[in-house]
Amino acid sequence: MNEDIMKGKWKQLTGGIKQQWGKLTDDELTEIDGSREKMVGKLQEHYGYTLDQAEKELDTYLSKDR
């Protein structure tokens, strides 16, 4: 999913993202606002993922049927 689509579907995605990554706060999700780069950064910050790992986790999540 490219960033334009992610931004467009952000409101729909946030519920599932909160279930998948419960350490992310509502304020952080508002700050991320569909930005792939910010989302990857928050995953690294909260879960200790490497850059590659965070990108892979996000890609896997986004590739599921939404």
Protein backbone atom coordinates (compact mmCIF):
# COMPACT_ATOMS: atom_id res chain seq x y z
CA MET A 1 0.00 0.00 0.00
CA ASN A 2 1.54 3.28 -1.02
CA GLU A 3 1.52 6.31 1.24
CA ASP A 4 -1.27 8.13 -0.66
CA ILE A 5 -3.61 5.18 -0.16
CA MET A 6 -2.49 4.80 3.45
CA LYS A 7 -3.27 8.48 4.10
CA GLY A 8 -6.66 8.12 2.43
CA LYS A 9 -7.60 5.08 4.50
CA TRP A 10 -5.93 6.23 7.71
CA LYS A 11 -9.14 6.64 9.74
CA GLN A 12 -10.22 3.12 8.75
CA LEU A 13 -6.81 1.64 9.56
CA THR A 14 -6.36 3.16 13.02
CA GLY A 15 -8.69 0.73 14.83
CA GLY A 16 -6.81 -2.30 13.56
CA ILE A 17 -3.46 -0.64 14.13
CA LYS A 18 -4.41 -0.02 17.77
CA GLN A 19 -5.25 -3.72 18.12
CA GLN A 20 -2.03 -4.81 16.43
CA TRP A 21 0.25 -2.34 18.20
CA GLY A 22 -1.41 -1.43 21.50
CA LYS A 23 1.49 0.67 22.74
CA LEU A 24 0.63 3.40 20.23
CA THR A 25 -1.49 6.14 21.75
CA ASP A 26 -4.38 7.98 20.11
CA ASP A 27 -2.25 11.13 20.09
CA GLU A 28 0.55 9.30 18.28
CA LEU A 29 -1.88 7.92 15.71
CA THR A 30 -3.16 11.47 15.15
CA GLU A 31 0.43 12.66 14.77
CA ILE A 32 1.26 9.85 12.31
CA ASP A 33 -1.79 10.79 10.18
CA GLY A 34 -1.08 8.16 7.54
CA SER A 35 2.64 8.88 7.18
CA ARG A 36 4.46 5.62 6.56
CA GLU A 37 7.76 7.12 7.73
CA LYS A 38 6.27 8.29 11.04
CA MET A 39 4.52 4.95 11.57
CA VAL A 40 7.76 3.05 11.03
CA GLY A 41 9.53 5.40 13.46
CA LYS A 42 6.90 4.86 16.16
CA LEU A 43 7.15 1.08 15.74
CA GLN A 44 10.91 1.31 16.19
CA GLU A 45 10.52 3.54 19.23
CA HIS A 46 7.88 1.48 21.04
CA TYR A 47 8.81 -2.05 20.02
CA GLY A 48 12.58 -1.86 19.50
CA TYR A 49 12.30 -2.97 15.87
CA THR A 50 15.11 -2.32 13.43
CA LEU A 51 14.18 -0.16 10.43
CA ASP A 52 13.87 -3.23 8.20
CA GLN A 53 11.84 -5.12 10.78
CA ALA A 54 9.44 -2.19 11.32
CA GLU A 55 8.92 -1.79 7.58
CA LYS A 56 8.34 -5.52 7.15
CA GLU A 57 5.84 -5.64 10.05
CA LEU A 58 3.94 -2.67 8.62
CA ASP A 59 3.98 -4.12 5.09
CA THR A 60 2.67 -7.44 6.39
CA TYR A 61 -0.10 -5.70 8.30
CA LEU A 62 -1.10 -3.50 5.35
CA SER A 63 -1.06 -6.40 2.87
CA LYS A 64 -3.80 -8.23 4.78
CA ASP A 65 -7.29 -7.86 3.39
CA ARG A 66 -8.63 -4.58 4.69
